[in-house]
Protein backbone atom coordinates (compact mmCIF):
# COMPACT_ATOMS: atom_id res chain seq x y z
CA UNK A 1 0.00 0.00 0.00
CA UNK A 2 1.05 3.61 -0.35
CA UNK A 3 3.40 4.84 2.33
CA UNK A 4 1.72 6.89 4.99
CA UNK A 5 -1.68 5.30 4.35
CA UNK A 6 -3.30 3.34 7.17
CA UNK A 7 -4.73 -0.15 6.49
CA UNK A 8 -8.22 1.12 7.30
CA UNK A 9 -7.92 4.02 4.83
CA UNK A 10 -6.59 1.67 2.15
CA UNK A 11 -9.48 -0.72 2.63
CA UNK A 12 -11.97 2.15 2.46
CA UNK A 13 -10.44 3.42 -0.77
CA UNK A 14 -10.41 -0.10 -2.20
CA UNK A 15 -14.10 -0.45 -1.30
CA UNK A 16 -14.82 2.81 -3.15
CA UNK A 17 -13.03 1.44 -6.22
CA UNK A 18 -15.10 -1.74 -6.12
CA UNK A 19 -18.23 0.32 -5.60
CA UNK A 20 -17.46 2.43 -8.67
CA UNK A 21 -17.11 -0.72 -10.75
CA UNK A 22 -20.29 -2.19 -9.28
CA UNK A 23 -22.18 1.01 -10.13
CA UNK A 24 -21.16 0.67 -13.77
CA UNK A 25 -21.99 -3.03 -13.82
CA UNK A 26 -25.45 -2.38 -12.35
CA UNK A 27 -26.24 0.24 -15.01
CA UNK A 28 -28.27 -0.70 -18.08
CA UNK A 29 -26.10 -2.22 -20.82
CA UNK A 30 -26.17 0.04 -23.93
CA UNK A 31 -27.28 -1.39 -27.25
CA UNK A 32 -24.40 -2.95 -29.16
CA UNK A 33 -22.31 -3.68 -26.05
CA UNK A 34 -22.13 -7.28 -24.88
CA UNK A 35 -22.52 -8.38 -21.27
CA UNK A 36 -18.84 -9.41 -21.31
CA UNK A 37 -17.83 -5.94 -22.50
CA UNK A 38 -19.89 -4.26 -19.79
CA UNK A 39 -18.32 -6.55 -17.17
CA UNK A 40 -14.80 -5.70 -18.33
CA UNK A 41 -15.71 -1.99 -18.35
CA UNK A 42 -16.89 -2.22 -14.73
CA UNK A 43 -13.56 -3.76 -13.70
CA UNK A 44 -11.63 -1.24 -15.82
CA UNK A 45 -13.47 1.68 -14.16
CA UNK A 46 -12.62 0.22 -10.74
CA UNK A 47 -8.94 0.09 -11.77
CA UNK A 48 -8.98 3.71 -13.00
CA UNK A 49 -10.66 4.87 -9.79
CA UNK A 50 -7.96 2.91 -7.97
CA UNK A 51 -5.32 4.96 -9.81
CA UNK A 52 -6.99 8.12 -8.54
CA UNK A 53 -7.62 7.06 -4.93
CA UNK A 54 -4.46 4.92 -4.68
CA UNK A 55 -5.39 2.37 -2.01
CA UNK A 56 -2.54 0.32 -3.51
CA UNK A 57 0.30 1.10 -5.97
CA UNK A 58 -0.48 0.85 -9.68
CA UNK A 59 1.07 -2.59 -10.15
CA UNK A 60 -1.15 -4.50 -7.72
CA UNK A 61 -4.19 -2.41 -8.71
CA UNK A 62 -3.90 -3.61 -12.32
CA UNK A 63 -3.06 -7.13 -11.16
CA UNK A 64 -6.33 -7.21 -9.20
CA UNK A 65 -8.15 -6.08 -12.35
CA UNK A 66 -6.49 -8.75 -14.50
CA UNK A 67 -7.40 -11.47 -12.00
CA UNK A 68 -10.97 -10.17 -11.71
CA UNK A 69 -11.42 -10.16 -15.52
CA UNK A 70 -10.23 -13.77 -15.74
CA UNK A 71 -12.13 -14.99 -12.67
CA UNK A 72 -15.47 -13.49 -13.73
CA UNK A 73 -15.25 -14.78 -17.27
CA UNK A 74 -14.96 -11.37 -18.85
CA UNK A 75 -11.76 -12.38 -20.66
CA UNK A 76 -9.68 -15.48 -21.10
CA UNK A 77 -6.41 -15.52 -19.16
CA UNK A 78 -4.44 -15.96 -22.39
CA UNK A 79 -5.93 -12.72 -23.71
CA UNK A 80 -4.96 -10.87 -20.55
CA UNK A 81 -1.43 -12.20 -20.41
CA UNK A 82 -0.88 -11.31 -24.07
CA UNK A 83 -0.51 -7.70 -23.01
CA UNK A 84 2.80 -8.53 -21.35
CA UNK A 85 4.23 -9.56 -24.70
CA UNK A 86 3.55 -6.18 -26.33
CA UNK A 87 6.70 -4.52 -27.67
CA UNK A 88 5.79 -1.16 -26.18
CA UNK A 89 5.77 -2.71 -22.71
CA UNK A 90 9.35 -3.87 -23.11
CA UNK A 91 10.31 -0.53 -24.64
CA UNK A 92 9.28 1.19 -21.43
CA UNK A 93 10.87 -1.46 -19.19
CA UNK A 94 14.14 -1.13 -21.09
CA UNK A 95 13.99 2.65 -20.92
CA UNK A 96 13.45 2.48 -17.15
CA UNK A 97 16.58 0.34 -16.84
CA UNK A 98 18.49 2.94 -18.85
CA UNK A 99 17.08 5.71 -16.64
CA UNK A 100 18.52 3.94 -13.61
CA UNK A 101 21.96 4.31 -15.19
CA UNK A 102 21.36 8.05 -15.71
CA UNK A 103 20.58 8.38 -12.02
CA UNK A 104 23.24 6.05 -10.62
CA UNK A 105 26.14 7.43 -12.68
CA UNK A 106 25.21 11.04 -11.87
CA UNK A 107 24.99 11.93 -15.57
CA UNK A 108 21.55 13.52 -15.25
CA UNK A 109 22.61 15.76 -12.37
CA UNK A 110 25.82 16.71 -14.14
CA UNK A 111 23.89 17.76 -17.27
CA UNK A 112 21.57 19.96 -15.19
CA UNK A 113 24.45 21.60 -13.29
CA UNK A 114 26.42 22.22 -16.47
CA UNK A 115 23.44 24.03 -17.97
CA UNK A 116 23.04 26.11 -14.80
CA UNK A 117 26.72 27.08 -14.92
CA UNK A 118 26.40 28.00 -18.59
CA UNK A 119 23.07 29.85 -18.54
CA UNK A 120 22.68 30.91 -14.91
CA UNK A 121 23.72 34.56 -15.07
CA UNK A 122 20.12 35.61 -14.34
CA UNK A 123 17.03 34.04 -12.85
CA UNK A 124 15.56 33.88 -16.35
CA UNK A 125 18.72 32.05 -17.42
CA UNK A 126 18.19 29.52 -14.63
CA UNK A 127 14.67 28.95 -15.98
CA UNK A 128 16.11 28.18 -19.39
CA UNK A 129 18.69 25.86 -17.82
CA UNK A 130 15.87 23.87 -16.19
CA UNK A 131 13.90 23.75 -19.46
CA UNK A 132 16.88 22.62 -21.53
CA UNK A 133 17.81 19.98 -18.94
CA UNK A 134 14.33 18.51 -19.34
CA UNK A 135 14.71 18.63 -23.12
CA UNK A 136 18.02 16.73 -23.00
CA UNK A 137 16.87 14.13 -20.47
CA UNK A 138 13.34 13.68 -21.86
CA UNK A 139 14.22 11.14 -24.57
CA UNK A 140 16.14 8.81 -22.26
CA UNK A 141 14.38 9.00 -18.87
CA UNK A 142 10.91 7.56 -19.52
CA UNK A 143 9.42 8.33 -16.12
CA UNK A 144 8.60 12.02 -15.92
CA UNK A 145 8.39 11.50 -12.16
CA UNK A 146 11.91 10.09 -11.99
CA UNK A 147 13.20 12.82 -14.29
CA UNK A 148 11.47 15.69 -12.54
CA UNK A 149 11.20 14.48 -8.96
CA UNK A 150 14.33 12.36 -8.75
CA UNK A 151 16.87 14.34 -10.79
CA UNK A 152 15.78 17.93 -11.36
CA UNK A 153 13.53 18.87 -8.42
CA UNK A 154 16.43 18.69 -5.93
CA UNK A 155 18.51 20.87 -8.27
CA UNK A 156 15.67 23.41 -8.61
CA UNK A 157 15.20 23.55 -4.83
CA UNK A 158 18.95 24.06 -4.26
CA UNK A 159 19.04 26.89 -6.80
CA UNK A 160 16.14 28.66 -5.09
CA UNK A 161 17.79 28.40 -1.68
CA UNK A 162 21.10 29.64 -3.08
CA UNK A 163 19.24 32.80 -4.12
CA UNK A 164 17.81 33.24 -0.61
CA UNK A 165 14.33 32.07 -1.60
CA UNK A 166 12.74 29.84 1.05
CA UNK A 167 9.38 28.00 0.95
CA UNK A 168 6.61 29.91 2.70
CA UNK A 169 8.88 32.82 3.59
CA UNK A 170 10.32 34.30 0.42
CA UNK A 171 9.07 32.27 -2.57
CA UNK A 172 8.66 35.43 -4.62
CA UNK A 173 12.45 35.91 -4.80
CA UNK A 174 12.98 33.01 -7.20
CA UNK A 175 11.55 29.75 -5.80
CA UNK A 176 8.04 30.11 -7.18
CA UNK A 177 9.33 30.93 -10.66
CA UNK A 178 11.94 28.17 -10.79
CA UNK A 179 9.46 25.60 -9.43
CA UNK A 180 6.84 26.45 -12.05
CA UNK A 181 9.32 26.48 -14.93
CA UNK A 182 10.72 23.09 -13.90
CA UNK A 183 7.26 21.51 -13.48
CA UNK A 184 5.83 22.77 -16.76
CA UNK A 185 9.02 22.07 -18.72
CA UNK A 186 8.76 18.49 -17.50
CA UNK A 187 5.37 18.18 -19.20
CA UNK A 188 6.64 19.64 -22.48
CA UNK A 189 9.51 17.13 -22.52
CA UNK A 190 7.02 14.36 -21.75
CA UNK A 191 4.91 15.50 -24.71
CA UNK A 192 7.83 15.52 -27.12
CA UNK A 193 8.98 11.91 -26.91
CA UNK A 194 7.41 8.46 -26.78
CA UNK A 195 9.89 7.75 -23.96
CA UNK A 196 9.16 11.08 -22.23
CA UNK A 197 6.46 9.61 -19.98
CA UNK A 198 5.78 6.02 -18.95
CA UNK A 199 2.17 5.94 -20.18
CA UNK A 200 2.88 7.39 -23.64
CA UNK A 201 3.08 3.85 -25.09
CA UNK A 202 -0.48 3.28 -23.85
CA UNK A 203 -1.53 6.13 -26.10
CA UNK A 204 0.62 4.85 -28.99
CA UNK A 205 -0.98 1.42 -28.71
CA UNK A 206 -4.46 2.98 -28.74
CA UNK A 207 -3.55 5.00 -31.82
CA UNK A 208 -2.39 1.89 -33.64
CA UNK A 209 -5.55 -0.01 -32.69
CA UNK A 210 -7.84 2.77 -33.89
CA UNK A 211 -6.07 4.09 -36.99
CA UNK A 212 -3.73 1.19 -37.81
CA UNK A 213 -0.83 3.69 -37.76
CA UNK A 214 2.42 2.92 -35.94
CA UNK A 215 3.19 6.05 -33.93
CA UNK A 216 6.66 4.95 -32.85
CA UNK A 217 9.52 6.87 -31.22
CA UNK A 218 10.74 8.49 -34.43
CA UNK A 219 7.27 9.51 -35.65
CA UNK A 220 6.32 10.94 -32.23
CA UNK A 221 9.57 12.96 -32.07
CA UNK A 222 9.11 14.17 -35.65
CA UNK A 223 5.57 15.31 -34.85
CA UNK A 224 6.50 17.18 -31.68
CA UNK A 225 9.97 18.54 -32.42
CA UNK A 226 8.98 21.89 -33.95
CA UNK A 227 6.06 22.90 -31.67
CA UNK A 228 7.96 21.44 -28.70
CA UNK A 229 11.07 23.52 -29.34
CA UNK A 230 8.94 26.63 -29.76
CA UNK A 231 7.18 25.89 -26.46
CA UNK A 232 10.47 25.24 -24.62
CA UNK A 233 11.92 28.46 -26.03
CA UNK A 234 8.94 30.57 -24.92
CA UNK A 235 7.85 28.98 -21.63
CA UNK A 236 10.53 30.39 -19.26
CA UNK A 237 9.96 33.91 -20.61
CA UNK A 238 6.16 33.48 -20.43
CA UNK A 239 6.31 32.38 -16.78
CA UNK A 240 8.86 35.11 -16.01
CA UNK A 241 6.28 37.64 -17.21
CA UNK A 242 3.51 36.05 -15.08
CA UNK A 243 5.38 35.27 -11.87
CA UNK A 244 8.07 38.01 -11.94
CA UNK A 245 10.78 36.85 -9.50
CA UNK A 246 12.17 39.72 -7.42
CA UNK A 247 15.73 38.38 -7.54
CA UNK A 248 17.19 38.87 -11.01
CA UNK A 249 20.90 38.25 -10.38
CA UNK A 250 21.52 34.47 -10.27
CA UNK A 251 25.28 34.49 -9.77
CA UNK A 252 25.04 32.86 -6.29
CA UNK A 253 23.17 29.90 -7.80
CA UNK A 254 25.66 29.69 -10.61
CA UNK A 255 28.50 29.62 -8.09
CA UNK A 256 26.72 26.84 -6.18
CA UNK A 257 26.43 24.80 -9.38
CA UNK A 258 30.15 25.28 -10.07
CA UNK A 259 30.98 24.08 -6.54
CA UNK A 260 28.81 20.99 -6.92
CA UNK A 261 30.41 20.19 -10.27
CA UNK A 262 33.86 20.50 -8.68
CA UNK A 263 32.73 18.13 -5.93
CA UNK A 264 31.57 15.61 -8.56
CA UNK A 265 35.04 15.66 -10.12
CA UNK A 266 35.90 14.92 -13.76
CA UNK A 267 33.69 12.88 -16.03
CA UNK A 268 33.86 9.23 -15.10
CA UNK A 269 34.26 6.37 -17.55
CA UNK A 270 30.69 5.26 -16.83
CA UNK A 271 29.28 8.71 -17.64
CA UNK A 272 31.25 8.92 -20.90
CA UNK A 273 30.14 5.47 -22.06
CA UNK A 274 26.56 6.15 -21.07
CA UNK A 275 26.57 9.43 -22.98
CA UNK A 276 27.94 7.73 -26.11
CA UNK A 277 25.33 4.94 -25.84
CA UNK A 278 22.53 7.48 -25.63
CA UNK A 279 23.80 9.40 -28.66
CA UNK A 280 23.90 6.13 -30.61
CA UNK A 281 20.39 5.20 -29.48
CA UNK A 282 18.97 8.59 -30.43
CA UNK A 283 20.58 8.21 -33.87
CA UNK A 284 19.07 4.75 -34.39
CA UNK A 285 15.66 5.84 -33.05
CA UNK A 286 15.57 8.77 -35.45
CA UNK A 287 16.39 6.73 -38.56
CA UNK A 288 12.78 5.74 -39.15
CA UNK A 289 11.69 9.38 -39.35
CA UNK A 290 14.65 10.90 -41.13
CA UNK A 291 16.59 7.99 -42.66
CA UNK A 292 14.75 8.12 -45.97
CA UNK A 293 16.24 11.53 -46.73
CA UNK A 294 19.76 10.04 -46.62
CA UNK A 295 18.94 6.78 -48.37
CA UNK A 296 18.33 4.59 -45.31
CA UNK A 297 14.96 2.93 -45.79
CA UNK A 298 14.97 0.15 -43.17
CA UNK A 299 15.38 1.35 -39.60
CA UNK A 300 15.82 -0.90 -36.55
CA UNK A 301 12.82 -1.44 -34.29
CA UNK A 302 12.46 1.09 -31.45
CA UNK A 303 12.21 -1.57 -28.76
CA UNK A 304 15.17 -3.46 -30.21
CA UNK A 305 17.31 -0.31 -30.01
CA UNK A 306 16.33 0.15 -26.36
CA UNK A 307 17.19 -3.42 -25.41
CA UNK A 308 20.43 -3.10 -27.40
CA UNK A 309 21.33 -0.06 -25.29
CA UNK A 310 20.65 -2.01 -22.10
CA UNK A 311 22.82 -4.87 -23.38
CA UNK A 312 25.72 -2.55 -24.23
CA UNK A 313 25.64 -1.00 -20.76
CA UNK A 314 25.77 -4.48 -19.23
CA UNK A 315 28.57 -5.65 -21.54
CA UNK A 316 30.67 -2.56 -20.80
CA UNK A 317 29.85 -2.77 -17.08
CA UNK A 318 28.32 0.66 -16.81
CA UNK A 319 25.63 -1.10 -14.78
CA UNK A 320 25.62 -4.65 -13.45
CA UNK A 321 22.60 -6.94 -13.60
CA UNK A 322 21.97 -6.75 -9.89
CA UNK A 323 21.70 -2.96 -10.09
CA UNK A 324 19.33 -3.17 -13.03
CA UNK A 325 17.06 -5.82 -11.59
CA UNK A 326 16.95 -3.85 -8.34
CA UNK A 327 15.03 -1.06 -10.12
CA UNK A 328 11.53 -1.79 -8.84
CA UNK A 329 9.98 0.95 -11.02
CA UNK A 330 10.79 -1.03 -14.17
CA UNK A 331 9.08 -4.20 -12.95
CA UNK A 332 6.14 -2.34 -11.44
CA UNK A 333 5.66 -0.72 -14.86
CA UNK A 334 5.79 -4.13 -16.53
CA UNK A 335 2.90 -5.35 -14.35
CA UNK A 336 0.60 -2.36 -14.72
CA UNK A 337 1.36 -1.48 -18.34
CA UNK A 338 0.97 -5.01 -19.71
CA UNK A 339 -2.28 -5.62 -17.87
CA UNK A 340 -3.67 -2.22 -18.69
CA UNK A 341 -2.97 -2.63 -22.40
CA UNK A 342 -4.71 -6.01 -22.38
CA UNK A 343 -7.84 -4.60 -20.72
CA UNK A 344 -7.89 -1.50 -22.93
CA UNK A 345 -7.52 -3.59 -26.09
CA UNK A 346 -10.34 -5.87 -25.01
CA UNK A 347 -12.67 -2.90 -24.45
CA UNK A 348 -12.16 -1.99 -28.09
CA UNK A 349 -12.72 -5.58 -29.26
CA UNK A 350 -15.90 -5.82 -27.17
CA UNK A 351 -17.30 -2.59 -28.75
CA UNK A 352 -17.34 -0.61 -25.49
CA UNK A 353 -14.98 2.07 -26.75
CA UNK A 354 -16.92 2.28 -30.00
CA UNK A 355 -20.11 3.02 -28.06
CA UNK A 356 -18.40 5.78 -26.06
CA UNK A 357 -16.78 7.21 -29.21
CA UNK A 358 -20.12 7.42 -30.99
CA UNK A 359 -21.51 9.34 -28.01
CA UNK A 360 -18.59 11.78 -28.05
CA UNK A 361 -18.77 12.20 -31.83
CA UNK A 362 -22.45 13.16 -31.59
CA UNK A 363 -21.49 16.25 -29.56
CA UNK A 364 -19.98 17.82 -32.69
CA UNK A 365 -22.44 16.52 -35.26
CA UNK A 366 -22.73 18.80 -38.28
CA UNK A 367 -19.34 20.53 -37.90
CA UNK A 368 -16.27 20.20 -40.11
CA UNK A 369 -13.67 17.52 -39.48
CA UNK A 370 -11.12 20.05 -38.20
CA UNK A 371 -13.63 21.64 -35.81
CA UNK A 372 -14.64 18.18 -34.56
CA UNK A 373 -11.05 17.16 -33.89
CA UNK A 374 -10.21 20.44 -32.14
CA UNK A 375 -13.42 20.34 -30.12
CA UNK A 376 -12.83 16.77 -28.97
CA UNK A 377 -9.20 17.64 -28.18
CA UNK A 378 -10.30 20.54 -25.95
CA UNK A 379 -12.75 18.32 -24.07
CA UNK A 380 -9.98 15.72 -23.69
CA UNK A 381 -7.50 18.35 -22.48
CA UNK A 382 -9.66 19.98 -19.81
CA UNK A 383 -11.18 16.71 -18.60
CA UNK A 384 -7.82 16.31 -16.83
CA UNK A 385 -9.25 18.41 -13.99
CA UNK A 386 -11.12 15.24 -12.94
CA UNK A 387 -8.00 13.03 -12.84
CA UNK A 388 -5.02 12.80 -10.53
CA UNK A 389 -2.80 10.73 -12.81
CA UNK A 390 -1.91 11.02 -16.49
CA UNK A 391 -1.94 7.25 -16.86
CA UNK A 392 -5.53 7.06 -15.67
CA UNK A 393 -6.57 9.87 -17.98
CA UNK A 394 -4.93 8.30 -21.04
CA UNK A 395 -6.23 4.83 -20.23
CA UNK A 396 -9.78 5.98 -19.67
CA UNK A 397 -10.15 8.54 -22.45
CA UNK A 398 -7.59 8.30 -25.26
CA UNK A 399 -8.91 5.35 -27.28
CA UNK A 400 -12.50 6.57 -27.19
CA UNK A 401 -11.64 10.09 -28.34
CA UNK A 402 -9.36 8.78 -31.09
CA UNK A 403 -12.14 6.49 -32.26
CA UNK A 404 -14.53 9.45 -32.31
CA UNK A 405 -12.05 11.33 -34.51
CA UNK A 406 -11.76 8.28 -36.75
CA UNK A 407 -15.53 8.08 -37.04
CA UNK A 408 -15.64 11.76 -38.04
CA UNK A 409 -13.22 11.06 -40.88
CA UNK A 410 -10.21 12.81 -39.37
CA UNK A 411 -6.81 12.12 -40.96
CA UNK A 412 -4.82 9.81 -38.69
CA UNK A 413 -1.78 12.07 -38.53
CA UNK A 414 -3.87 15.07 -37.60
CA UNK A 415 -5.70 13.47 -34.68
CA UNK A 416 -2.91 11.24 -33.32
CA UNK A 417 -0.17 13.86 -32.78
CA UNK A 418 -2.64 16.41 -31.38
CA UNK A 419 -4.02 14.00 -28.79
CA UNK A 420 -0.54 12.59 -28.12
CA UNK A 421 0.87 15.92 -26.97
CA UNK A 422 -2.35 16.92 -25.20
CA UNK A 423 -2.12 13.66 -23.23
CA UNK A 424 0.86 15.18 -21.40
CA UNK A 425 0.33 18.92 -21.60
CA UNK A 426 -3.10 18.66 -19.94
CA UNK A 427 -1.32 17.97 -16.62
CA UNK A 428 -0.49 21.69 -16.43
CA UNK A 429 -3.97 22.41 -15.10
CA UNK A 430 -3.72 21.30 -11.46
CA UNK A 431 -1.26 20.65 -8.64
CA UNK A 432 -2.31 16.98 -8.37
CA UNK A 433 -2.21 15.90 -12.01
CA UNK A 434 0.94 13.76 -12.15
CA UNK A 435 3.89 12.63 -10.05
CA UNK A 436 6.44 15.39 -10.80
CA UNK A 437 3.82 18.14 -10.47
CA UNK A 438 2.90 16.80 -7.04
CA UNK A 439 6.58 16.71 -6.06
CA UNK A 440 7.23 20.28 -7.24
CA UNK A 441 4.09 21.50 -5.50
CA UNK A 442 5.33 19.75 -2.37
CA UNK A 443 8.46 21.94 -2.32
CA UNK A 444 6.19 24.59 -0.82
CA UNK A 445 6.99 27.54 -3.08
CA UNK A 446 3.62 27.81 -4.87
CA UNK A 447 0.24 27.82 -3.06
CA UNK A 448 -2.54 25.71 -4.53
CA UNK A 449 -4.61 28.73 -5.65
CA UNK A 450 -1.61 30.18 -7.48
CA UNK A 451 -0.89 26.81 -9.10
CA UNK A 452 -4.44 26.62 -10.45
CA UNK A 453 -4.31 30.21 -11.75
CA UNK A 454 -0.93 29.81 -13.41
CA UNK A 455 -1.88 26.34 -14.65
CA UNK A 456 -4.91 27.72 -16.50
CA UNK A 457 -2.77 30.44 -18.09
CA UNK A 458 -0.19 27.83 -19.10
CA UNK A 459 -2.99 25.75 -20.65
CA UNK A 460 -3.88 28.77 -22.82
CA UNK A 461 -0.18 29.13 -23.65
CA UNK A 462 -0.08 25.52 -24.85
CA UNK A 463 -3.18 25.97 -26.95
CA UNK A 464 -1.74 29.15 -28.47
CA UNK A 465 1.57 27.45 -29.30
CA UNK A 466 0.90 23.78 -30.01
CA UNK A 467 -2.33 24.08 -32.02
CA UNK A 468 -1.27 26.62 -34.70
CA UNK A 469 2.42 25.62 -34.82
CA UNK A 470 1.59 21.93 -34.69
CA UNK A 471 -1.10 22.11 -37.36
CA UNK A 472 1.18 24.08 -39.69
CA UNK A 473 4.09 21.70 -39.08
CA UNK A 474 1.99 18.59 -39.69
CA UNK A 475 0.55 20.24 -42.80
CA UNK A 476 4.11 20.92 -44.00
CA UNK A 477 4.92 17.24 -43.45
CA UNK A 478 1.94 16.31 -45.59
CA UNK A 479 0.16 14.51 -42.76
CA UNK A 480 -3.24 16.09 -43.31
């Protein structure tokens, strides 16, 4: 169970999850949906509510759902276990193992401190250092919580304190600004890469099921690179204008970064090898999107490249097997992601998602395809207010909204990239939306009311940047 949660509270939350599923199951079955589909939906809803209430971690919550589906006859066990053989599941597991090397070698922290030393002449420069650190680490650290909370949040907090900004006492000096830049940059990096957030492969799998389009690492990066770079370039300045830190001179923080880099010493062999491996992986990942322009037509599979990277690190002893297998996040992800994909796929096969999609599509009946897609995307984006985890939001909503777009005749590579980036950017809205946001909020520099106000303004910023720039970029690529 979650740390700090009493057994009685966990049981109460678990009972609420079961009650939510029972409420769905007791409702009238819509026309066109089988009894088996409605049963699986009831269990799926209980799992999603479990993600929100968190009586147990995600792994056991999904495991309970898998067992319930098999035990009640909703699905055959072979169907449920097939989810653990999906390539995207092993892509994420492999990326988590690589992320452990980034953490254990100190490479991620070194990258962040180097950027602070280079750009940290002003508080605005520190904001750009945080944003660029997210951009560099986003492709190779698949957990936005590990990237933001484990690597960059401690750096952000140290920078704020070096400038004399303390939580609850003087956040206006720099802490509030640096916290908000770091949190919202984390979401942009998550939106830019398939490996930027652990649940992105759930979305990619839904996109392939609905549109029969493989939205792999290279295609995702190609779709998001231009609007993402524009957003990263503008976000620190946008937040600087909204929050206005009172301390402008960041030389003390820059000096602190220099001292910490001196304490880390020269680059180690492990860091150098790891850096070279990541450069090679990024090159191989990008071949599918850009290789045709240089005469390379057949690119290696994204998951194969990830597992190759893991193998090289083991062969060159950057990490040993005991260290890698000790990363519980990787194996927890294997359990919840494989089971969740199996249940989500079955909801499509059993026509449940089709029923929901038809309902959503009816909201925009009589409008153009572009208006329908944008309207559904806005509903999808702001529905995040009702969720406390990106994974739950994607799992519950993505496939249905994509299917509604498909039913409206939307081009696949108009709807997929728009909903892909919105699946991450929508977490800007609240202080409870996803792991790193919760961690940054917990630093104590930004009150909840301020987070909601700034979050809504940032949501408008994303709409103003990603929709026009994204649509123009995808039009230039010939995708719609």
